C-alpha atoms as a PDB file:
ATOM      1  CA  MET A   1      90.875 -11.802 -68.476  1.00  0.00           C
ATOM      2  CA  ARG A   2      87.526 -10.792 -69.955  1.00  0.00           C
ATOM      3  CA  GLN A   3      86.553  -7.849 -72.029  1.00  0.00           C
ATOM      4  CA  LEU A   4      83.702  -6.015 -70.817  1.00  0.00           C
ATOM      5  CA  GLY A   5      82.664  -3.197 -73.715  1.00  0.00           C
ATOM      6  CA  LYS A   6      85.957  -1.838 -74.994  1.00  0.00           C
ATOM      7  CA  ILE A   7      87.873  -2.539 -71.803  1.00  0.00           C
ATOM      8  CA  HIS A   8      89.652  -5.658 -70.981  1.00  0.00           C
ATOM      9  CA  CYS A   9      89.892  -6.622 -67.258  1.00  0.00           C
ATOM     10  CA  GLN A  10      91.181  -9.131 -64.485  1.00  0.00           C
ATOM     11  CA  GLU A  11      88.952 -10.953 -62.637  1.00  0.00           C
ATOM     12  CA  ILE A  12      88.682 -12.972 -59.153  1.00  0.00           C
ATOM     13  CA  ASN A  13      85.135 -14.295 -59.360  1.00  0.00           C
ATOM     14  CA  ASN A  14      84.957 -15.923 -55.770  1.00  0.00           C
ATOM     15  CA  ASN A  15      80.797 -16.534 -55.756  1.00  0.00           C
ATOM     16  CA  ASP A  16      78.364 -15.437 -58.277  1.00  0.00           C
ATOM     17  CA  ASP A  17      75.929 -14.038 -55.627  1.00  0.00           C
ATOM     18  CA  ALA A  18      78.548 -11.885 -53.834  1.00  0.00           C
ATOM     19  CA  SER A  19      79.426  -8.128 -54.516  1.00  0.00           C
ATOM     20  CA  TRP A  20      81.930  -7.172 -56.887  1.00  0.00           C
ATOM     21  CA  VAL A  21      84.945  -4.682 -56.086  1.00  0.00           C
ATOM     22  CA  LEU A  22      86.091  -2.652 -59.182  1.00  0.00           C
ATOM     23  CA  PHE A  23      89.517  -1.143 -58.761  1.00  0.00           C
ATOM     24  CA  PHE A  24      90.899   1.135 -61.232  1.00  0.00           C
ATOM     25  CA  HIS A  25      94.777   1.525 -61.376  1.00  0.00           C
ATOM     26  CA  GLY A  26      96.783   4.928 -61.654  1.00  0.00           C
ATOM     27  CA  TYR A  27      98.182   6.573 -64.600  1.00  0.00           C
ATOM     28  CA  GLY A  28     101.040   4.400 -66.030  1.00  0.00           C
ATOM     29  CA  ALA A  29     100.345   1.150 -64.241  1.00  0.00           C
ATOM     30  CA  ASP A  30      97.774  -1.627 -65.465  1.00  0.00           C
ATOM     31  CA  CYS A  31      95.186  -3.905 -64.614  1.00  0.00           C
ATOM     32  CA  ASN A  32      98.068  -6.132 -63.111  1.00  0.00           C
ATOM     33  CA  ASP A  33      99.083  -3.350 -60.697  1.00  0.00           C
ATOM     34  CA  LEU A  34      96.312  -3.520 -58.109  1.00  0.00           C
ATOM     35  CA  PHE A  35      95.372  -7.470 -58.974  1.00  0.00           C
ATOM     36  CA  SER A  36      97.039  -8.744 -55.801  1.00  0.00           C
ATOM     37  CA  LEU A  37      94.909  -6.616 -53.555  1.00  0.00           C
ATOM     38  CA  GLY A  38      91.919  -9.119 -54.224  1.00  0.00           C
ATOM     39  CA  GLU A  39      94.186 -11.516 -52.384  1.00  0.00           C
ATOM     40  CA  MET A  40      95.728  -9.200 -49.813  1.00  0.00           C
ATOM     41  CA  ILE A  41      92.759  -7.286 -48.435  1.00  0.00           C
ATOM     42  CA  PRO A  42      91.339  -9.153 -45.646  1.00  0.00           C
ATOM     43  CA  THR A  43      87.622  -9.362 -45.650  1.00  0.00           C
ATOM     44  CA  LYS A  44      85.050 -11.792 -43.371  1.00  0.00           C
ATOM     45  CA  LYS A  45      82.468 -11.319 -46.287  1.00  0.00           C
ATOM     46  CA  THR A  46      83.231 -12.563 -49.663  1.00  0.00           C
ATOM     47  CA  TYR A  47      83.614 -10.293 -52.692  1.00  0.00           C
ATOM     48  CA  ASN A  48      84.571 -10.672 -56.383  1.00  0.00           C
ATOM     49  CA  TRP A  49      87.253  -8.316 -57.563  1.00  0.00           C
ATOM     50  CA  LEU A  50      87.715  -6.671 -61.320  1.00  0.00           C
ATOM     51  CA  PHE A  51      90.515  -4.699 -62.104  1.00  0.00           C
ATOM     52  CA  PRO A  52      89.954  -2.866 -65.602  1.00  0.00           C
ATOM     53  CA  ASN A  53      92.913  -2.179 -68.002  1.00  0.00           C
ATOM     54  CA  GLY A  54      92.952   1.535 -68.903  1.00  0.00           C
ATOM     55  CA  PRO A  55      92.355   2.458 -72.535  1.00  0.00           C
ATOM     56  CA  LEU A  56      95.090   4.426 -73.260  1.00  0.00           C
ATOM     57  CA  GLU A  57      98.726   3.475 -73.746  1.00  0.00           C
ATOM     58  CA  VAL A  58     101.229   6.354 -72.326  1.00  0.00           C
ATOM     59  CA  PRO A  59     104.696   6.345 -72.247  1.00  0.00           C
ATOM     60  CA  ILE A  60     106.297   6.095 -68.571  1.00  0.00           C
ATOM     61  CA  GLY A  61     110.262   5.553 -69.596  1.00  0.00           C
ATOM     62  CA  PRO A  62     112.659   4.796 -72.597  1.00  0.00           C
ATOM     63  CA  GLY A  63     111.326   1.995 -74.253  1.00  0.00           C
ATOM     64  CA  TRP A  64     108.329   1.559 -71.371  1.00  0.00           C
ATOM     65  CA  THR A  65     104.539   2.193 -71.753  1.00  0.00           C
ATOM     66  CA  GLY A  66     101.728   2.006 -69.291  1.00  0.00           C
ATOM     67  CA  ARG A  67      97.994   2.526 -69.345  1.00  0.00           C
ATOM     68  CA  ALA A  68      95.822   4.850 -68.277  1.00  0.00           C
ATOM     69  CA  TRP A  69      92.384   6.632 -68.274  1.00  0.00           C
ATOM     70  CA  TRP A  70      93.213   9.855 -69.774  1.00  0.00           C
ATOM     71  CA  THR A  71      96.434  11.964 -70.630  1.00  0.00           C
ATOM     72  CA  ILE A  72      97.933  13.849 -67.742  1.00  0.00           C
ATOM     73  CA  ASP A  73     100.445  16.966 -68.202  1.00  0.00           C
ATOM     74  CA  MET A  74     103.430  15.190 -66.570  1.00  0.00           C
ATOM     75  CA  MET A  75     105.437  18.229 -67.180  1.00  0.00           C
ATOM     76  CA  ALA A  76     103.374  20.586 -65.219  1.00  0.00           C
ATOM     77  CA  ILE A  77     103.471  17.805 -62.190  1.00  0.00           C
ATOM     78  CA  GLN A  78     107.241  17.800 -62.271  1.00  0.00           C
ATOM     79  CA  GLN A  79     107.645  21.549 -62.445  1.00  0.00           C
ATOM     80  CA  ALA A  80     105.146  21.746 -59.237  1.00  0.00           C
ATOM     81  CA  ALA A  81     107.242  19.284 -57.617  1.00  0.00           C
ATOM     82  CA  GLU A  82     110.649  21.242 -58.417  1.00  0.00           C
ATOM     83  CA  ARG A  83     109.163  24.123 -56.837  1.00  0.00           C
ATOM     84  CA  GLY A  84     108.073  22.116 -53.872  1.00  0.00           C
ATOM     85  CA  GLU A  85     104.516  22.191 -54.543  1.00  0.00           C
ATOM     86  CA  THR A  86     101.641  19.812 -55.797  1.00  0.00           C
ATOM     87  CA  ARG A  87      99.008  20.799 -58.341  1.00  0.00           C
ATOM     88  CA  ASP A  88      95.533  21.637 -57.137  1.00  0.00           C
ATOM     89  CA  MET A  89      93.244  20.404 -59.548  1.00  0.00           C
ATOM     90  CA  ALA A  90      90.048  21.015 -58.063  1.00  0.00           C
ATOM     91  CA  ASN A  91      88.545  23.379 -60.742  1.00  0.00           C
ATOM     92  CA  GLU A  92      89.861  21.117 -63.596  1.00  0.00           C
ATOM     93  CA  LYS A  93      87.820  18.782 -65.791  1.00  0.00           C
ATOM     94  CA  PRO A  94      90.490  16.504 -67.431  1.00  0.00           C
ATOM     95  CA  PRO A  95      89.788  16.499 -71.307  1.00  0.00           C
ATOM     96  CA  GLY A  96      89.593  12.736 -71.303  1.00  0.00           C
ATOM     97  CA  LEU A  97      87.116  12.264 -68.344  1.00  0.00           C
ATOM     98  CA  SER A  98      83.935  12.189 -70.153  1.00  0.00           C
ATOM     99  CA  LYS A  99      85.201   9.390 -72.515  1.00  0.00           C
ATOM    100  CA  ALA A 100      86.594   7.237 -69.768  1.00  0.00           C
ATOM    101  CA  TYR A 101      83.335   7.939 -67.938  1.00  0.00           C
ATOM    102  CA  ASP A 102      81.354   6.740 -70.749  1.00  0.00           C
ATOM    103  CA  MET A 103      83.765   3.579 -71.523  1.00  0.00           C
ATOM    104  CA  THR A 104      83.621   2.598 -67.730  1.00  0.00           C
ATOM    105  CA  MET A 105      79.914   3.140 -67.390  1.00  0.00           C
ATOM    106  CA  GLU A 106      79.430   0.662 -70.348  1.00  0.00           C
ATOM    107  CA  LEU A 107      81.616  -1.921 -68.733  1.00  0.00           C
ATOM    108  CA  ILE A 108      79.461  -1.928 -65.707  1.00  0.00           C
ATOM    109  CA  ARG A 109      76.452  -2.213 -67.931  1.00  0.00           C
ATOM    110  CA  GLN A 110      77.944  -5.459 -69.419  1.00  0.00           C
ATOM    111  CA  LEU A 111      78.873  -6.643 -66.051  1.00  0.00           C
ATOM    112  CA  LYS A 112      75.016  -6.967 -65.376  1.00  0.00           C
ATOM    113  CA  VAL A 113      75.743  -6.718 -61.646  1.00  0.00           C
ATOM    114  CA  PRO A 114      72.887  -4.108 -59.544  1.00  0.00           C
ATOM    115  CA  TRP A 115      74.756  -0.923 -58.330  1.00  0.00           C
ATOM    116  CA  ASN A 116      73.965  -1.795 -54.595  1.00  0.00           C
ATOM    117  CA  LYS A 117      76.577  -4.652 -55.437  1.00  0.00           C
ATOM    118  CA  ILE A 118      79.242  -2.734 -56.753  1.00  0.00           C
ATOM    119  CA  VAL A 119      82.099  -1.104 -54.583  1.00  0.00           C
ATOM    120  CA  LEU A 120      83.972   1.132 -56.812  1.00  0.00           C
ATOM    121  CA  GLY A 121      87.645   2.151 -55.910  1.00  0.00           C
ATOM    122  CA  GLY A 122      91.098   3.106 -57.391  1.00  0.00           C
ATOM    123  CA  PHE A 123      94.425   4.250 -56.680  1.00  0.00           C
ATOM    124  CA  SER A 124      95.676   7.808 -57.967  1.00  0.00           C
ATOM    125  CA  GLN A 125      93.929   8.638 -61.243  1.00  0.00           C
ATOM    126  CA  GLY A 126      91.840   5.370 -61.032  1.00  0.00           C
ATOM    127  CA  ALA A 127      90.296   6.805 -57.380  1.00  0.00           C
ATOM    128  CA  MET A 128      89.455  10.025 -59.066  1.00  0.00           C
ATOM    129  CA  LEU A 129      87.480   8.027 -61.967  1.00  0.00           C
ATOM    130  CA  ALA A 130      85.933   5.703 -59.500  1.00  0.00           C
ATOM    131  CA  THR A 131      84.701   9.125 -57.659  1.00  0.00           C
ATOM    132  CA  GLU A 132      83.371  10.481 -60.912  1.00  0.00           C
ATOM    133  CA  LEU A 133      81.650   7.225 -61.415  1.00  0.00           C
ATOM    134  CA  TYR A 134      80.259   6.976 -57.906  1.00  0.00           C
ATOM    135  CA  LEU A 135      78.897  10.433 -57.872  1.00  0.00           C
ATOM    136  CA  ARG A 136      76.946  10.323 -61.283  1.00  0.00           C
ATOM    137  CA  ALA A 137      75.964   6.697 -61.053  1.00  0.00           C
ATOM    138  CA  PRO A 138      72.040   6.541 -61.777  1.00  0.00           C
ATOM    139  CA  GLU A 139      71.855   4.348 -58.589  1.00  0.00           C
ATOM    140  CA  THR A 140      73.799   4.514 -55.601  1.00  0.00           C
ATOM    141  CA  PRO A 141      76.629   1.991 -55.331  1.00  0.00           C
ATOM    142  CA  GLN A 142      77.386   0.102 -52.514  1.00  0.00           C
ATOM    143  CA  GLY A 143      80.664   1.690 -51.805  1.00  0.00           C
ATOM    144  CA  LEU A 144      83.470   4.063 -52.757  1.00  0.00           C
ATOM    145  CA  VAL A 145      87.385   3.450 -51.855  1.00  0.00           C
ATOM    146  CA  ILE A 146      89.510   6.296 -52.550  1.00  0.00           C
ATOM    147  CA  MET A 147      93.483   5.702 -52.425  1.00  0.00           C
ATOM    148  CA  SER A 148      95.570   8.502 -52.737  1.00  0.00           C
ATOM    149  CA  GLY A 149      93.108  10.315 -55.061  1.00  0.00           C
ATOM    150  CA  THR A 150      92.440  14.178 -55.239  1.00  0.00           C
ATOM    151  CA  LEU A 151      89.650  16.756 -55.671  1.00  0.00           C
ATOM    152  CA  ILE A 152      88.606  17.427 -59.720  1.00  0.00           C
ATOM    153  CA  ASN A 153      85.725  18.310 -61.362  1.00  0.00           C
ATOM    154  CA  GLN A 154      84.688  20.330 -58.289  1.00  0.00           C
ATOM    155  CA  ASP A 155      81.526  21.910 -59.340  1.00  0.00           C
ATOM    156  CA  VAL A 156      79.952  18.732 -60.631  1.00  0.00           C
ATOM    157  CA  TRP A 157      80.973  16.575 -57.610  1.00  0.00           C
ATOM    158  CA  LYS A 158      79.566  19.137 -55.244  1.00  0.00           C
ATOM    159  CA  GLN A 159      76.105  19.065 -57.135  1.00  0.00           C
ATOM    160  CA  ASN A 160      76.220  15.273 -56.843  1.00  0.00           C
ATOM    161  CA  VAL A 161      77.421  14.235 -53.393  1.00  0.00           C
ATOM    162  CA  PRO A 162      74.263  15.019 -51.571  1.00  0.00           C
ATOM    163  CA  ASN A 163      72.578  12.382 -53.489  1.00  0.00           C
ATOM    164  CA  ARG A 164      75.016   9.910 -51.792  1.00  0.00           C
ATOM    165  CA  ALA A 165      73.847  11.648 -48.204  1.00  0.00           C
ATOM    166  CA  GLY A 166      74.514   8.851 -45.550  1.00  0.00           C
ATOM    167  CA  GLN A 167      76.443   6.710 -47.361  1.00  0.00           C
ATOM    168  CA  LYS A 168      79.803   5.678 -46.322  1.00  0.00           C
ATOM    169  CA  PHE A 169      83.479   6.069 -47.995  1.00  0.00           C
ATOM    170  CA  PHE A 170      86.894   5.038 -47.248  1.00  0.00           C
ATOM    171  CA  GLN A 171      89.731   7.377 -48.274  1.00  0.00           C
ATOM    172  CA  SER A 172      93.608   7.078 -47.501  1.00  0.00           C
ATOM    173  CA  HIS A 173      96.597   9.712 -48.439  1.00  0.00           C
ATOM    174  CA  GLY A 174     100.317   9.758 -47.665  1.00  0.00           C
ATOM    175  CA  GLU A 175     101.124  12.709 -45.808  1.00  0.00           C
ATOM    176  CA  VAL A 176     104.145  13.427 -47.884  1.00  0.00           C
ATOM    177  CA  ASP A 177     102.757  12.771 -51.437  1.00  0.00           C
ATOM    178  CA  GLN A 178     104.593  14.633 -53.705  1.00  0.00           C
ATOM    179  CA  VAL A 179     102.307  13.637 -56.776  1.00  0.00           C
ATOM    180  CA  LEU A 180      99.002  14.215 -55.194  1.00  0.00           C
ATOM    181  CA  GLY A 181      99.475  16.755 -52.284  1.00  0.00           C
ATOM    182  CA  TYR A 182      97.782  15.992 -48.669  1.00  0.00           C
ATOM    183  CA  LYS A 183      95.986  19.199 -48.727  1.00  0.00           C
ATOM    184  CA  GLN A 184      94.009  18.366 -51.571  1.00  0.00           C
ATOM    185  CA  ALA A 185      93.095  14.994 -50.305  1.00  0.00           C
ATOM    186  CA  GLN A 186      91.820  16.690 -47.201  1.00  0.00           C
ATOM    187  CA  LYS A 187      89.876  18.980 -49.492  1.00  0.00           C
ATOM    188  CA  LEU A 188      88.110  16.136 -50.873  1.00  0.00           C
ATOM    189  CA  GLU A 189      87.309  14.929 -47.619  1.00  0.00           C
ATOM    190  CA  THR A 190      85.765  18.064 -46.642  1.00  0.00           C
ATOM    191  CA  LEU A 191      83.582  18.049 -49.951  1.00  0.00           C
ATOM    192  CA  LEU A 192      82.399  14.493 -49.201  1.00  0.00           C
ATOM    193  CA  THR A 193      81.410  14.902 -45.519  1.00  0.00           C
ATOM    194  CA  GLN A 194      80.346  18.778 -45.503  1.00  0.00           C
ATOM    195  CA  ASN A 195      77.564  17.501 -48.344  1.00  0.00           C
ATOM    196  CA  GLY A 196      76.171  14.543 -46.319  1.00  0.00           C
ATOM    197  CA  MET A 197      78.462  11.497 -46.923  1.00  0.00           C
ATOM    198  CA  LYS A 198      79.984   9.621 -43.952  1.00  0.00           C
ATOM    199  CA  GLY A 199      83.678   8.710 -43.627  1.00  0.00           C
ATOM    200  CA  SER A 200      87.190  10.293 -42.950  1.00  0.00           C
ATOM    201  CA  LEU A 201      90.735  10.708 -44.468  1.00  0.00           C
ATOM    202  CA  MET A 202      93.274   8.131 -43.219  1.00  0.00           C
ATOM    203  CA  GLY A 203      96.556   9.835 -43.415  1.00  0.00           C
ATOM    204  CA  PHE A 204      99.543   7.856 -43.207  1.00  0.00           C
ATOM    205  CA  ARG A 205     103.356   8.533 -43.135  1.00  0.00           C
ATOM    206  CA  GLY A 206     104.500   7.967 -46.555  1.00  0.00           C
ATOM    207  CA  GLY A 207     104.299   8.966 -50.214  1.00  0.00           C
ATOM    208  CA  HIS A 208     101.965   8.049 -53.390  1.00  0.00           C
ATOM    209  CA  GLU A 209     101.441   4.487 -52.385  1.00  0.00           C
ATOM    210  CA  ILE A 210      99.286   1.917 -50.527  1.00  0.00           C
ATOM    211  CA  PRO A 211     100.672   0.492 -46.957  1.00  0.00           C
ATOM    212  CA  MET A 212      99.638  -2.602 -45.529  1.00  0.00           C
ATOM    213  CA  PRO A 213      97.654  -0.624 -42.576  1.00  0.00           C
ATOM    214  CA  VAL A 214      95.391   0.798 -45.567  1.00  0.00           C
ATOM    215  CA  LEU A 215      94.687  -2.635 -46.728  1.00  0.00           C
ATOM    216  CA  ARG A 216      93.351  -3.517 -43.320  1.00  0.00           C
ATOM    217  CA  LYS A 217      91.323  -0.455 -43.031  1.00  0.00           C
ATOM    218  CA  ILE A 218      89.850  -1.205 -46.287  1.00  0.00           C
ATOM    219  CA  GLY A 219      88.892  -4.712 -45.399  1.00  0.00           C
ATOM    220  CA  GLU A 220      87.305  -3.405 -42.378  1.00  0.00           C
ATOM    221  CA  TYR A 221      85.083  -0.689 -44.415  1.00  0.00           C
ATOM    222  CA  LEU A 222      84.476  -3.460 -46.959  1.00  0.00           C
ATOM    223  CA  ASP A 223      83.153  -5.414 -43.854  1.00  0.00           C
ATOM    224  CA  SER A 224      81.007  -2.581 -42.594  1.00  0.00           C
ATOM    225  CA  ILE A 225      79.083  -2.032 -45.957  1.00  0.00           C
END
């Protein structure tokens, strides 16, 4: 573990000269949730891995808490699911997004690694944060990995995507995801590609998860950048 700014992180430091992959966990998980991916994703290149811990403590069940990057309206998600729908958050800017952005930007400043040696990625809420950071960073990061994310803050993202024209991203999503819908993932893919980025959505038969075929494709993506 190490602390960067106000955020505690798990890390795998393989080579001081190698690039860093920063993976942000989803709502209700913590920095341990994605830690095994640093060992499981097959890459020919050497990477260092950083898994930050969300600053907020949130309830996830009786007597159980997890971590998050901002609070979310779980009731709205559950009510949508009961109607057989998933929420479209394209035009929403979560109230805690700006604070999460500021805290993770300070984390990156203290990491003291140039942007062109940083790959940003995450799962679910962590993928949204990674996309926000990637599109708004003062310089172009090395890569972007979106695992089961969704489109938020649409106006700001659309304005910033052209600054990353020609850059490659990786995106995956379960076709029967009941938490963040597949159609919204497709909207995010369209926003990125129609504004100049290169990549495509890897759909898979499954829900809100990260299956092994996705990990193999992430490895291929990391080797390609």
